[in-house]
Amino acid sequence: MRPLSWILVVLLLVLQYPLWLGKGGWLRVSELKNEMRAQEKLNTTLVQRNVRLEAEVNDLIHGQAAIEERARFELGMIKKDEIFFQVMEPTPKDLTSGTPR
């Protein structure tokens, strides 16, 4: 019976190898699940970004206020007969020297 036991143990090990360490084994499945979770997180952030961009595009297509806001803040444009005031915050250097800018 002793050789038969060894043959069965070896056969069991041979059959277990693909289950644990093979191409579709448990370790690979675990790695793929972790990769899938990371990809789902990335997809969620990208979907949120796409929703924001879609709303912005919709505003630019249908609303004058969004175009005006972009022109003001990104391009520094002002309306006709409008006066522009720029408030400058004092820098730390100005505060220590005591001299106004």
N, C-alpha and C. Protein backbone atom coordinates (compact mmCIF):
# COMPACT_ATOMS: atom_id res chain seq x y z
N MET A 1 0.80 -1.20 0.00
CA MET A 1 0.00 0.00 0.00
C MET A 1 0.84 1.26 0.00
N ARG A 2 2.04 1.13 0.40
CA ARG A 2 2.87 2.30 0.49
C ARG A 2 3.10 2.96 -0.87
N PRO A 3 3.42 2.26 -1.93
CA PRO A 3 3.61 2.92 -3.23
C PRO A 3 2.32 3.55 -3.75
N LEU A 4 1.20 2.91 -3.47
CA LEU A 4 -0.07 3.46 -3.92
C LEU A 4 -0.36 4.80 -3.22
N SER A 5 -0.03 4.91 -1.96
CA SER A 5 -0.22 6.16 -1.22
C SER A 5 0.64 7.28 -1.81
N TRP A 6 1.89 6.93 -2.12
CA TRP A 6 2.78 7.94 -2.71
C TRP A 6 2.28 8.37 -4.09
N ILE A 7 1.80 7.47 -4.84
CA ILE A 7 1.28 7.79 -6.16
C ILE A 7 0.06 8.72 -6.03
N LEU A 8 -0.80 8.44 -5.07
CA LEU A 8 -1.97 9.28 -4.87
C LEU A 8 -1.59 10.69 -4.39
N VAL A 9 -0.59 10.78 -3.51
CA VAL A 9 -0.13 12.09 -3.02
C VAL A 9 0.47 12.89 -4.17
N VAL A 10 1.30 12.24 -4.99
CA VAL A 10 1.90 12.92 -6.14
C VAL A 10 0.82 13.36 -7.12
N LEU A 11 -0.13 12.49 -7.38
CA LEU A 11 -1.23 12.83 -8.27
C LEU A 11 -2.04 14.01 -7.73
N LEU A 12 -2.28 14.02 -6.44
CA LEU A 12 -3.00 15.14 -5.83
C LEU A 12 -2.23 16.45 -5.99
N LEU A 13 -0.92 16.42 -5.77
CA LEU A 13 -0.10 17.62 -5.94
C LEU A 13 -0.09 18.10 -7.39
N VAL A 14 -0.01 17.17 -8.31
CA VAL A 14 -0.02 17.53 -9.73
C VAL A 14 -1.35 18.18 -10.11
N LEU A 15 -2.41 17.68 -9.56
CA LEU A 15 -3.72 18.26 -9.86
C LEU A 15 -3.94 19.61 -9.16
N GLN A 16 -3.32 19.81 -8.02
CA GLN A 16 -3.47 21.07 -7.29
C GLN A 16 -2.63 22.21 -7.87
N TYR A 17 -1.56 21.91 -8.54
CA TYR A 17 -0.67 22.94 -9.08
C TYR A 17 -1.40 23.95 -9.97
N PRO A 18 -2.17 23.52 -10.97
CA PRO A 18 -2.85 24.52 -11.80
C PRO A 18 -3.89 25.33 -11.03
N LEU A 19 -4.49 24.72 -10.02
CA LEU A 19 -5.50 25.43 -9.25
C LEU A 19 -4.88 26.61 -8.50
N TRP A 20 -3.71 26.44 -7.94
CA TRP A 20 -3.10 27.50 -7.14
C TRP A 20 -2.13 28.37 -7.92
N LEU A 21 -1.31 27.79 -8.75
CA LEU A 21 -0.23 28.54 -9.39
C LEU A 21 -0.35 28.63 -10.90
N GLY A 22 -1.34 28.02 -11.49
CA GLY A 22 -1.47 28.00 -12.94
C GLY A 22 -1.96 29.32 -13.51
N LYS A 23 -2.19 29.34 -14.82
CA LYS A 23 -2.58 30.54 -15.54
C LYS A 23 -3.89 31.13 -15.00
N GLY A 24 -4.83 30.33 -14.67
CA GLY A 24 -6.10 30.81 -14.14
C GLY A 24 -6.29 30.45 -12.69
N GLY A 25 -5.21 30.33 -11.95
CA GLY A 25 -5.27 29.90 -10.55
C GLY A 25 -5.78 30.98 -9.62
N TRP A 26 -5.91 30.60 -8.37
CA TRP A 26 -6.45 31.49 -7.35
C TRP A 26 -5.61 32.74 -7.16
N LEU A 27 -4.30 32.62 -7.24
CA LEU A 27 -3.44 33.79 -7.06
C LEU A 27 -3.66 34.81 -8.18
N ARG A 28 -3.79 34.33 -9.40
CA ARG A 28 -4.02 35.22 -10.54
C ARG A 28 -5.40 35.87 -10.44
N VAL A 29 -6.39 35.10 -9.99
CA VAL A 29 -7.73 35.65 -9.83
C VAL A 29 -7.72 36.77 -8.78
N SER A 30 -6.99 36.58 -7.71
CA SER A 30 -6.87 37.60 -6.67
C SER A 30 -6.21 38.86 -7.22
N GLU A 31 -5.14 38.71 -8.00
CA GLU A 31 -4.47 39.85 -8.61
C GLU A 31 -5.42 40.60 -9.55
N LEU A 32 -6.18 39.86 -10.33
CA LEU A 32 -7.12 40.49 -11.26
C LEU A 32 -8.24 41.23 -10.53
N LYS A 33 -8.68 40.70 -9.41
CA LYS A 33 -9.71 41.40 -8.62
C LYS A 33 -9.17 42.73 -8.10
N ASN A 34 -7.92 42.73 -7.63
CA ASN A 34 -7.32 43.98 -7.15
C ASN A 34 -7.18 44.99 -8.28
N GLU A 35 -6.75 44.53 -9.45
CA GLU A 35 -6.64 45.42 -10.61
C GLU A 35 -8.01 45.96 -11.01
N MET A 36 -9.02 45.12 -10.92
CA MET A 36 -10.38 45.54 -11.28
C MET A 36 -10.89 46.62 -10.32
N ARG A 37 -10.62 46.46 -9.03
CA ARG A 37 -11.05 47.48 -8.06
C ARG A 37 -10.37 48.82 -8.34
N ALA A 38 -9.07 48.78 -8.65
CA ALA A 38 -8.35 50.02 -8.95
C ALA A 38 -8.91 50.67 -10.22
N GLN A 39 -9.20 49.87 -11.23
CA GLN A 39 -9.75 50.40 -12.46
C GLN A 39 -11.15 50.99 -12.24
N GLU A 40 -11.96 50.36 -11.38
CA GLU A 40 -13.29 50.88 -11.09
C GLU A 40 -13.21 52.24 -10.40
N LYS A 41 -12.24 52.41 -9.47
CA LYS A 41 -12.05 53.70 -8.82
C LYS A 41 -11.67 54.76 -9.85
N LEU A 42 -10.74 54.42 -10.74
CA LEU A 42 -10.33 55.35 -11.78
C LEU A 42 -11.51 55.70 -12.68
N ASN A 43 -12.30 54.72 -13.05
CA ASN A 43 -13.47 54.95 -13.90
C ASN A 43 -14.47 55.88 -13.22
N THR A 44 -14.66 55.71 -11.92
CA THR A 44 -15.58 56.57 -11.19
C THR A 44 -15.12 58.03 -11.23
N THR A 45 -13.84 58.26 -11.00
CA THR A 45 -13.33 59.64 -11.03
C THR A 45 -13.45 60.21 -12.44
N LEU A 46 -13.19 59.38 -13.45
CA LEU A 46 -13.29 59.88 -14.82
C LEU A 46 -14.74 60.17 -15.22
N VAL A 47 -15.67 59.37 -14.73
CA VAL A 47 -17.09 59.63 -15.01
C VAL A 47 -17.51 60.95 -14.37
N GLN A 48 -17.07 61.19 -13.15
CA GLN A 48 -17.39 62.45 -12.48
C GLN A 48 -16.80 63.63 -13.24
N ARG A 49 -15.56 63.50 -13.70
CA ARG A 49 -14.94 64.57 -14.49
C ARG A 49 -15.70 64.80 -15.78
N ASN A 50 -16.13 63.72 -16.43
CA ASN A 50 -16.88 63.86 -17.68
C ASN A 50 -18.22 64.57 -17.46
N VAL A 51 -18.86 64.28 -16.34
CA VAL A 51 -20.14 64.95 -16.03
C VAL A 51 -19.91 66.45 -15.86
N ARG A 52 -18.84 66.82 -15.14
CA ARG A 52 -18.53 68.25 -14.97
C ARG A 52 -18.23 68.91 -16.30
N LEU A 53 -17.43 68.25 -17.14
CA LEU A 53 -17.10 68.80 -18.45
C LEU A 53 -18.33 68.92 -19.34
N GLU A 54 -19.21 67.94 -19.27
CA GLU A 54 -20.43 67.99 -20.07
C GLU A 54 -21.32 69.16 -19.63
N ALA A 55 -21.40 69.40 -18.33
CA ALA A 55 -22.18 70.53 -17.83
C ALA A 55 -21.56 71.85 -18.28
N GLU A 56 -20.24 71.92 -18.26
CA GLU A 56 -19.56 73.14 -18.70
C GLU A 56 -19.78 73.38 -20.19
N VAL A 57 -19.70 72.34 -20.98
CA VAL A 57 -19.95 72.47 -22.43
C VAL A 57 -21.38 72.91 -22.66
N ASN A 58 -22.32 72.33 -21.92
CA ASN A 58 -23.72 72.71 -22.05
C ASN A 58 -23.91 74.19 -21.72
N ASP A 59 -23.25 74.66 -20.65
CA ASP A 59 -23.32 76.07 -20.30
C ASP A 59 -22.75 76.96 -21.40
N LEU A 60 -21.63 76.52 -21.97
CA LEU A 60 -21.01 77.32 -23.03
C LEU A 60 -21.88 77.37 -24.28
N ILE A 61 -22.58 76.29 -24.57
CA ILE A 61 -23.42 76.25 -25.75
C ILE A 61 -24.68 77.09 -25.55
N HIS A 62 -25.30 76.97 -24.38
CA HIS A 62 -26.62 77.56 -24.18
C HIS A 62 -26.62 78.84 -23.35
N GLY A 63 -25.57 79.14 -22.66
CA GLY A 63 -25.63 80.29 -21.76
C GLY A 63 -24.57 81.33 -22.06
N GLN A 64 -24.98 82.60 -22.04
CA GLN A 64 -24.05 83.69 -22.23
C GLN A 64 -23.24 83.95 -20.96
N ALA A 65 -23.81 83.64 -19.82
CA ALA A 65 -23.13 83.92 -18.55
C ALA A 65 -21.82 83.15 -18.44
N ALA A 66 -21.79 81.92 -18.89
CA ALA A 66 -20.56 81.13 -18.80
C ALA A 66 -19.49 81.69 -19.73
N ILE A 67 -19.91 82.13 -20.91
CA ILE A 67 -18.95 82.72 -21.85
C ILE A 67 -18.39 84.01 -21.28
N GLU A 68 -19.27 84.82 -20.70
CA GLU A 68 -18.83 86.09 -20.10
C GLU A 68 -17.87 85.85 -18.94
N GLU A 69 -18.18 84.85 -18.12
CA GLU A 69 -17.32 84.54 -16.98
C GLU A 69 -15.93 84.11 -17.45
N ARG A 70 -15.88 83.27 -18.45
CA ARG A 70 -14.58 82.85 -18.97
C ARG A 70 -13.80 84.02 -19.56
N ALA A 71 -14.49 84.88 -20.28
CA ALA A 71 -13.83 86.03 -20.88
C ALA A 71 -13.26 86.94 -19.80
N ARG A 72 -13.99 87.10 -18.71
CA ARG A 72 -13.51 87.97 -17.63
C ARG A 72 -12.31 87.37 -16.90
N PHE A 73 -12.44 86.14 -16.46
CA PHE A 73 -11.42 85.57 -15.58
C PHE A 73 -10.23 84.99 -16.32
N GLU A 74 -10.43 84.41 -17.47
CA GLU A 74 -9.31 83.79 -18.17
C GLU A 74 -8.63 84.74 -19.15
N LEU A 75 -9.39 85.65 -19.74
CA LEU A 75 -8.82 86.54 -20.74
C LEU A 75 -8.68 87.97 -20.25
N GLY A 76 -9.25 88.30 -19.08
CA GLY A 76 -9.13 89.63 -18.52
C GLY A 76 -9.95 90.68 -19.25
N MET A 77 -10.99 90.28 -19.92
CA MET A 77 -11.81 91.21 -20.68
C MET A 77 -12.81 91.92 -19.77
N ILE A 78 -13.21 93.13 -20.17
CA ILE A 78 -14.23 93.88 -19.46
C ILE A 78 -15.26 94.38 -20.47
N LYS A 79 -16.45 94.74 -19.95
CA LYS A 79 -17.51 95.25 -20.81
C LYS A 79 -17.24 96.71 -21.18
N LYS A 80 -17.94 97.17 -22.19
CA LYS A 80 -17.84 98.55 -22.61
C LYS A 80 -18.38 99.43 -21.48
N ASP A 81 -17.72 100.55 -21.22
CA ASP A 81 -18.07 101.51 -20.17
C ASP A 81 -18.01 100.90 -18.78
N GLU A 82 -17.20 99.90 -18.58
CA GLU A 82 -17.05 99.27 -17.28
C GLU A 82 -15.69 99.64 -16.73
N ILE A 83 -15.58 99.86 -15.45
CA ILE A 83 -14.31 100.21 -14.82
C ILE A 83 -13.81 98.98 -14.06
N PHE A 84 -12.55 98.67 -14.26
CA PHE A 84 -11.94 97.49 -13.64
C PHE A 84 -11.07 97.94 -12.47
N PHE A 85 -11.31 97.35 -11.31
CA PHE A 85 -10.50 97.61 -10.13
C PHE A 85 -9.79 96.31 -9.76
N GLN A 86 -8.49 96.43 -9.51
CA GLN A 86 -7.74 95.26 -9.06
C GLN A 86 -7.21 95.54 -7.67
N VAL A 87 -7.57 94.71 -6.71
CA VAL A 87 -7.14 94.88 -5.33
C VAL A 87 -5.93 94.01 -5.12
N MET A 88 -4.85 94.62 -4.70
CA MET A 88 -3.60 93.89 -4.47
C MET A 88 -3.45 93.64 -2.97
N GLU A 89 -3.15 92.42 -2.61
CA GLU A 89 -2.87 92.07 -1.22
C GLU A 89 -1.42 92.45 -0.94
N PRO A 90 -1.15 92.97 0.25
CA PRO A 90 0.25 93.29 0.57
C PRO A 90 1.08 92.02 0.71
N THR A 91 2.29 92.08 0.23
CA THR A 91 3.20 90.94 0.35
C THR A 91 3.89 90.99 1.70
N PRO A 92 4.45 89.89 2.17
CA PRO A 92 5.16 89.91 3.46
C PRO A 92 6.29 90.93 3.48
N LYS A 93 6.93 91.19 2.35
CA LYS A 93 8.02 92.17 2.28
C LYS A 93 7.49 93.57 2.58
N ASP A 94 6.31 93.89 2.02
CA ASP A 94 5.72 95.20 2.26
C ASP A 94 5.32 95.37 3.72
N LEU A 95 4.87 94.32 4.35
CA LEU A 95 4.45 94.40 5.74
C LEU A 95 5.62 94.65 6.68
N THR A 96 6.79 94.10 6.38
CA THR A 96 7.94 94.25 7.27
C THR A 96 8.62 95.59 7.07
N SER A 97 8.61 96.12 5.87
CA SER A 97 9.32 97.38 5.63
C SER A 97 8.49 98.58 6.07
N GLY A 98 7.16 98.43 6.08
CA GLY A 98 6.29 99.52 6.52
C GLY A 98 6.04 100.53 5.42
N THR A 99 6.50 100.29 4.23
CA THR A 99 6.28 101.24 3.14
C THR A 99 5.11 100.77 2.30
N PRO A 100 4.21 101.68 1.95
CA PRO A 100 3.10 101.27 1.09
C PRO A 100 3.56 101.07 -0.34
N ARG A 101 2.86 100.29 -1.02
CA ARG A 101 3.22 100.01 -2.42
C ARG A 101 2.70 101.07 -3.31
